[in-house]
Amino acid sequence: MEEKKKIILIAGGTGGHVFPALALSEFLKEKKANYCFLTDQRCKIILDKYKVDYKLISSSQIKKNIFSLPIMFLRILFGVTQSLIFFFKFKAKICHRFWWLYLFTTFTSCNNIEDPHIHT
């Protein structure tokens, strides 16, 4: 029996990218697919409402305040580390990002996956 490919869904922000990802996650759940949903803190409330299993990845909004740059940099660096650890453990074959630049922290990690990425 062939092992199902592991799939990672990545979406976040204010919700516009999350709702299409939610629809796909419901489809994958019905098909009993092996997938994981990665998001940032801003989507936690939405995903909790829909009872979706997810992993939070640290991220940061880019602000013009020069004093917030070190904190922003550290949050992004922590997110890159989180996502790299997750990608190595989960060993996904497909990475679907619901916006090509969303979560820079996972963008760099997805590039290590063998199969082409899906961007919407």
N, C-alpha and C. Protein backbone atom coordinates (compact mmCIF):
# COMPACT_ATOMS: atom_id res chain seq x y z
N MET A 1 0.83 -1.18 0.00
CA MET A 1 0.00 0.00 0.00
C MET A 1 0.88 1.25 0.00
N GLU A 2 0.58 2.17 -0.86
CA GLU A 2 1.37 3.39 -1.00
C GLU A 2 1.07 4.35 0.14
N GLU A 3 2.13 4.92 0.72
CA GLU A 3 1.97 5.88 1.81
C GLU A 3 1.47 7.21 1.24
N LYS A 4 0.51 7.82 1.93
CA LYS A 4 -0.02 9.11 1.48
C LYS A 4 1.04 10.18 1.66
N LYS A 5 1.11 11.09 0.70
CA LYS A 5 2.04 12.20 0.81
C LYS A 5 1.60 13.13 1.92
N LYS A 6 2.56 13.64 2.65
CA LYS A 6 2.27 14.61 3.71
C LYS A 6 2.18 15.99 3.08
N ILE A 7 1.17 16.75 3.52
CA ILE A 7 0.87 18.05 2.93
C ILE A 7 0.93 19.12 4.02
N ILE A 8 1.52 20.25 3.69
CA ILE A 8 1.52 21.39 4.60
C ILE A 8 0.72 22.52 3.96
N LEU A 9 -0.22 23.06 4.73
CA LEU A 9 -0.98 24.24 4.31
C LEU A 9 -0.46 25.42 5.12
N ILE A 10 -0.17 26.52 4.44
CA ILE A 10 0.35 27.70 5.12
C ILE A 10 -0.54 28.89 4.76
N ALA A 11 -1.13 29.50 5.77
CA ALA A 11 -1.97 30.67 5.55
C ALA A 11 -2.02 31.47 6.84
N GLY A 12 -2.30 32.74 6.72
CA GLY A 12 -2.39 33.57 7.92
C GLY A 12 -2.77 34.98 7.56
N GLY A 13 -2.47 35.86 8.46
CA GLY A 13 -2.80 37.26 8.24
C GLY A 13 -4.15 37.60 8.83
N THR A 14 -4.92 38.36 8.09
CA THR A 14 -6.19 38.85 8.62
C THR A 14 -7.39 38.00 8.24
N GLY A 15 -7.21 36.95 7.49
CA GLY A 15 -8.31 36.04 7.20
C GLY A 15 -8.55 35.77 5.73
N GLY A 16 -8.20 36.68 4.87
CA GLY A 16 -8.46 36.50 3.45
C GLY A 16 -7.79 35.28 2.85
N HIS A 17 -6.64 34.91 3.38
CA HIS A 17 -5.94 33.73 2.89
C HIS A 17 -6.28 32.49 3.70
N VAL A 18 -6.88 32.70 4.86
CA VAL A 18 -7.18 31.58 5.74
C VAL A 18 -8.43 30.82 5.29
N PHE A 19 -9.44 31.53 4.83
CA PHE A 19 -10.69 30.85 4.48
C PHE A 19 -10.56 29.88 3.31
N PRO A 20 -9.82 30.19 2.26
CA PRO A 20 -9.59 29.16 1.23
C PRO A 20 -8.79 27.97 1.79
N ALA A 21 -7.85 28.25 2.68
CA ALA A 21 -7.08 27.17 3.30
C ALA A 21 -7.98 26.30 4.18
N LEU A 22 -8.93 26.93 4.87
CA LEU A 22 -9.89 26.17 5.68
C LEU A 22 -10.71 25.22 4.81
N ALA A 23 -11.16 25.71 3.66
CA ALA A 23 -11.94 24.87 2.74
C ALA A 23 -11.11 23.67 2.29
N LEU A 24 -9.85 23.91 1.94
CA LEU A 24 -8.98 22.81 1.51
C LEU A 24 -8.72 21.85 2.67
N SER A 25 -8.54 22.37 3.88
CA SER A 25 -8.29 21.50 5.02
C SER A 25 -9.50 20.60 5.31
N GLU A 26 -10.71 21.13 5.13
CA GLU A 26 -11.92 20.30 5.31
C GLU A 26 -11.96 19.18 4.26
N PHE A 27 -11.60 19.52 3.03
CA PHE A 27 -11.55 18.50 1.96
C PHE A 27 -10.51 17.43 2.30
N LEU A 28 -9.33 17.86 2.74
CA LEU A 28 -8.27 16.92 3.08
C LEU A 28 -8.67 16.04 4.26
N LYS A 29 -9.37 16.64 5.21
CA LYS A 29 -9.84 15.87 6.37
C LYS A 29 -10.81 14.78 5.94
N GLU A 30 -11.74 15.12 5.03
CA GLU A 30 -12.70 14.14 4.51
C GLU A 30 -11.99 12.99 3.79
N LYS A 31 -10.90 13.32 3.10
CA LYS A 31 -10.13 12.31 2.36
C LYS A 31 -9.13 11.57 3.24
N LYS A 32 -9.12 11.93 4.53
CA LYS A 32 -8.20 11.33 5.50
C LYS A 32 -6.73 11.51 5.08
N ALA A 33 -6.45 12.68 4.54
CA ALA A 33 -5.08 13.01 4.11
C ALA A 33 -4.23 13.34 5.33
N ASN A 34 -2.96 13.18 5.18
CA ASN A 34 -2.01 13.51 6.23
C ASN A 34 -1.51 14.93 5.97
N TYR A 35 -2.06 15.89 6.70
CA TYR A 35 -1.69 17.29 6.47
C TYR A 35 -1.53 18.02 7.79
N CYS A 36 -0.88 19.17 7.70
CA CYS A 36 -0.73 20.05 8.85
C CYS A 36 -0.93 21.49 8.38
N PHE A 37 -1.55 22.28 9.23
CA PHE A 37 -1.86 23.68 8.94
C PHE A 37 -0.90 24.55 9.74
N LEU A 38 -0.14 25.39 9.07
CA LEU A 38 0.75 26.34 9.73
C LEU A 38 0.19 27.74 9.59
N THR A 39 0.24 28.51 10.67
CA THR A 39 -0.29 29.86 10.64
C THR A 39 0.42 30.71 11.68
N ASP A 40 0.05 31.97 11.74
CA ASP A 40 0.61 32.85 12.75
C ASP A 40 -0.47 33.20 13.79
N GLN A 41 -0.09 33.96 14.79
CA GLN A 41 -0.96 34.29 15.91
C GLN A 41 -2.25 34.99 15.47
N ARG A 42 -2.20 35.75 14.38
CA ARG A 42 -3.37 36.52 13.96
C ARG A 42 -4.54 35.64 13.56
N CYS A 43 -4.30 34.40 13.17
CA CYS A 43 -5.38 33.51 12.71
C CYS A 43 -5.83 32.51 13.75
N LYS A 44 -5.24 32.57 14.92
CA LYS A 44 -5.56 31.61 15.97
C LYS A 44 -7.06 31.60 16.29
N ILE A 45 -7.68 32.75 16.42
CA ILE A 45 -9.10 32.84 16.77
C ILE A 45 -9.97 32.19 15.69
N ILE A 46 -9.64 32.45 14.43
CA ILE A 46 -10.42 31.88 13.32
C ILE A 46 -10.30 30.35 13.33
N LEU A 47 -9.09 29.84 13.45
CA LEU A 47 -8.88 28.40 13.40
C LEU A 47 -9.46 27.69 14.62
N ASP A 48 -9.40 28.34 15.78
CA ASP A 48 -10.03 27.76 16.98
C ASP A 48 -11.54 27.67 16.79
N LYS A 49 -12.13 28.69 16.19
CA LYS A 49 -13.58 28.71 15.95
C LYS A 49 -14.01 27.53 15.07
N TYR A 50 -13.20 27.21 14.07
CA TYR A 50 -13.52 26.12 13.15
C TYR A 50 -12.94 24.78 13.59
N LYS A 51 -12.33 24.76 14.78
CA LYS A 51 -11.77 23.53 15.35
C LYS A 51 -10.79 22.83 14.40
N VAL A 52 -9.85 23.61 13.92
CA VAL A 52 -8.82 23.11 13.02
C VAL A 52 -7.54 22.89 13.82
N ASP A 53 -6.89 21.75 13.61
CA ASP A 53 -5.58 21.53 14.22
C ASP A 53 -4.55 22.34 13.45
N TYR A 54 -3.68 23.01 14.17
CA TYR A 54 -2.68 23.87 13.52
C TYR A 54 -1.45 23.99 14.39
N LYS A 55 -0.40 24.50 13.79
CA LYS A 55 0.83 24.83 14.48
C LYS A 55 1.07 26.33 14.29
N LEU A 56 1.39 27.01 15.38
CA LEU A 56 1.70 28.44 15.29
C LEU A 56 3.18 28.63 14.98
N ILE A 57 3.44 29.52 14.04
CA ILE A 57 4.80 29.89 13.67
C ILE A 57 4.96 31.37 13.98
N SER A 58 6.03 31.72 14.64
CA SER A 58 6.29 33.12 14.98
C SER A 58 6.51 33.94 13.71
N SER A 59 5.93 35.12 13.69
CA SER A 59 6.13 36.03 12.56
C SER A 59 6.01 37.45 13.09
N SER A 60 6.22 38.40 12.23
CA SER A 60 6.14 39.79 12.65
C SER A 60 5.71 40.65 11.48
N GLN A 61 4.94 41.66 11.79
CA GLN A 61 4.60 42.66 10.77
C GLN A 61 5.78 43.61 10.64
N ILE A 62 5.97 44.12 9.45
CA ILE A 62 7.04 45.08 9.23
C ILE A 62 6.54 46.46 9.61
N LYS A 63 7.25 47.07 10.54
CA LYS A 63 6.86 48.39 11.04
C LYS A 63 7.95 49.39 10.69
N LYS A 64 7.56 50.63 10.58
CA LYS A 64 8.52 51.68 10.20
C LYS A 64 9.30 52.21 11.39
N ASN A 65 8.92 51.83 12.59
CA ASN A 65 9.61 52.29 13.79
C ASN A 65 10.96 51.59 13.92
N ILE A 66 12.02 52.36 13.89
CA ILE A 66 13.37 51.79 13.92
C ILE A 66 13.64 51.05 15.23
N PHE A 67 12.98 51.45 16.32
CA PHE A 67 13.21 50.80 17.61
C PHE A 67 12.57 49.41 17.68
N SER A 68 11.63 49.13 16.81
CA SER A 68 10.99 47.81 16.82
C SER A 68 11.72 46.82 15.90
N LEU A 69 12.71 47.29 15.15
CA LEU A 69 13.44 46.41 14.23
C LEU A 69 14.11 45.21 14.91
N PRO A 70 14.79 45.39 16.05
CA PRO A 70 15.42 44.21 16.67
C PRO A 70 14.40 43.14 17.08
N ILE A 71 13.28 43.55 17.64
CA ILE A 71 12.25 42.60 18.05
C ILE A 71 11.65 41.92 16.83
N MET A 72 11.38 42.70 15.79
CA MET A 72 10.83 42.16 14.55
C MET A 72 11.80 41.12 13.97
N PHE A 73 13.07 41.46 13.92
CA PHE A 73 14.08 40.55 13.40
C PHE A 73 14.14 39.25 14.21
N LEU A 74 14.12 39.36 15.54
CA LEU A 74 14.17 38.18 16.39
C LEU A 74 12.94 37.29 16.21
N ARG A 75 11.76 37.89 16.08
CA ARG A 75 10.55 37.10 15.86
C ARG A 75 10.62 36.33 14.52
N ILE A 76 11.10 37.01 13.50
CA ILE A 76 11.22 36.35 12.19
C ILE A 76 12.27 35.25 12.25
N LEU A 77 13.38 35.51 12.88
CA LEU A 77 14.43 34.50 13.01
C LEU A 77 13.93 33.29 13.80
N PHE A 78 13.18 33.54 14.87
CA PHE A 78 12.61 32.44 15.65
C PHE A 78 11.63 31.65 14.79
N GLY A 79 10.82 32.33 13.99
CA GLY A 79 9.87 31.66 13.11
C GLY A 79 10.56 30.80 12.06
N VAL A 80 11.66 31.29 11.50
CA VAL A 80 12.43 30.51 10.52
C VAL A 80 12.95 29.24 11.20
N THR A 81 13.45 29.38 12.41
CA THR A 81 13.94 28.22 13.15
C THR A 81 12.81 27.23 13.43
N GLN A 82 11.67 27.74 13.91
CA GLN A 82 10.51 26.88 14.16
C GLN A 82 10.10 26.11 12.91
N SER A 83 9.99 26.83 11.80
CA SER A 83 9.52 26.18 10.58
C SER A 83 10.52 25.16 10.05
N LEU A 84 11.81 25.44 10.15
CA LEU A 84 12.81 24.47 9.70
C LEU A 84 12.74 23.19 10.53
N ILE A 85 12.61 23.33 11.84
CA ILE A 85 12.48 22.16 12.71
C ILE A 85 11.23 21.38 12.34
N PHE A 86 10.12 22.10 12.16
CA PHE A 86 8.87 21.43 11.81
C PHE A 86 8.99 20.69 10.47
N PHE A 87 9.55 21.34 9.47
CA PHE A 87 9.66 20.73 8.13
C PHE A 87 10.53 19.48 8.16
N PHE A 88 11.60 19.51 8.94
CA PHE A 88 12.45 18.32 9.03
C PHE A 88 11.75 17.18 9.75
N LYS A 89 10.94 17.49 10.75
CA LYS A 89 10.22 16.44 11.49
C LYS A 89 9.04 15.89 10.70
N PHE A 90 8.27 16.77 10.06
CA PHE A 90 7.04 16.36 9.37
C PHE A 90 7.34 15.69 8.03
N LYS A 91 8.40 16.08 7.38
CA LYS A 91 8.83 15.50 6.10
C LYS A 91 7.73 15.53 5.04
N ALA A 92 7.20 16.72 4.81
CA ALA A 92 6.12 16.89 3.83
C ALA A 92 6.65 16.77 2.40
N LYS A 93 5.77 16.37 1.51
CA LYS A 93 6.10 16.30 0.09
C LYS A 93 5.46 17.44 -0.69
N ILE A 94 4.38 18.02 -0.14
CA ILE A 94 3.67 19.10 -0.81
C ILE A 94 3.50 20.26 0.17
N CYS A 95 3.76 21.45 -0.32
CA CYS A 95 3.60 22.65 0.49
C CYS A 95 2.69 23.61 -0.26
N HIS A 96 1.52 23.91 0.31
CA HIS A 96 0.57 24.83 -0.33
C HIS A 96 0.53 26.10 0.47
N ARG A 97 1.05 27.17 -0.13
CA ARG A 97 1.06 28.49 0.51
C ARG A 97 -0.07 29.33 -0.08
N PHE A 98 -0.90 29.85 0.78
CA PHE A 98 -2.02 30.67 0.34
C PHE A 98 -1.60 32.14 0.32
N TRP A 99 -0.68 32.44 -0.49
CA TRP A 99 -0.11 33.72 -0.85
C TRP A 99 1.37 33.46 -0.89
N TRP A 100 1.98 33.75 -2.00
CA TRP A 100 3.34 33.30 -2.26
C TRP A 100 4.37 33.83 -1.27
N LEU A 101 4.15 34.98 -0.65
CA LEU A 101 5.16 35.53 0.24
C LEU A 101 4.75 35.41 1.70
N TYR A 102 3.56 34.85 1.94
CA TYR A 102 3.08 34.80 3.32
C TYR A 102 4.02 34.01 4.21
N LEU A 103 4.16 34.48 5.39
CA LEU A 103 5.03 33.87 6.39
C LEU A 103 6.42 33.60 5.82
N PHE A 104 7.18 34.63 5.69
CA PHE A 104 8.56 34.51 5.22
C PHE A 104 9.26 33.38 5.94
N THR A 105 8.89 33.19 7.20
CA THR A 105 9.53 32.15 8.00
C THR A 105 9.32 30.77 7.41
N THR A 106 8.18 30.52 6.81
CA THR A 106 7.94 29.21 6.20
C THR A 106 8.33 29.20 4.74
N PHE A 107 8.40 30.37 4.13
CA PHE A 107 8.77 30.47 2.72
C PHE A 107 10.14 29.85 2.48
N THR A 108 11.07 30.16 3.36
CA THR A 108 12.43 29.63 3.19
C THR A 108 12.45 28.12 3.41
N SER A 109 11.63 27.62 4.33
CA SER A 109 11.63 26.19 4.63
C SER A 109 10.97 25.38 3.53
N CYS A 110 9.94 25.92 2.91
CA CYS A 110 9.24 25.20 1.84
C CYS A 110 10.16 24.91 0.67
N ASN A 111 11.15 25.71 0.50
CA ASN A 111 12.05 25.53 -0.65
C ASN A 111 12.88 24.26 -0.54
N ASN A 112 12.84 23.58 0.61
CA ASN A 112 13.57 22.33 0.76
C ASN A 112 12.74 21.12 0.36
N ILE A 113 11.49 21.32 -0.01
CA ILE A 113 10.60 20.21 -0.36
C ILE A 113 10.82 19.83 -1.82
N GLU A 114 10.80 18.53 -2.10
CA GLU A 114 11.11 18.02 -3.44
C GLU A 114 10.07 18.39 -4.49
N ASP A 115 8.78 18.22 -4.16
CA ASP A 115 7.73 18.47 -5.14
C ASP A 115 7.51 19.97 -5.34
N PRO A 116 6.97 20.35 -6.49
CA PRO A 116 6.68 21.77 -6.70
C PRO A 116 5.70 22.29 -5.66
N HIS A 117 5.79 23.55 -5.38
CA HIS A 117 4.91 24.18 -4.41
C HIS A 117 3.67 24.67 -5.13
N ILE A 118 2.61 24.79 -4.37
CA ILE A 118 1.36 25.32 -4.90
C ILE A 118 1.14 26.66 -4.22
N HIS A 119 0.94 27.69 -5.01
CA HIS A 119 0.70 29.03 -4.48
C HIS A 119 -0.65 29.51 -4.95
N THR A 120 -1.44 30.06 -4.04
CA THR A 120 -2.72 30.67 -4.46
C THR A 120 -2.84 32.03 -3.84
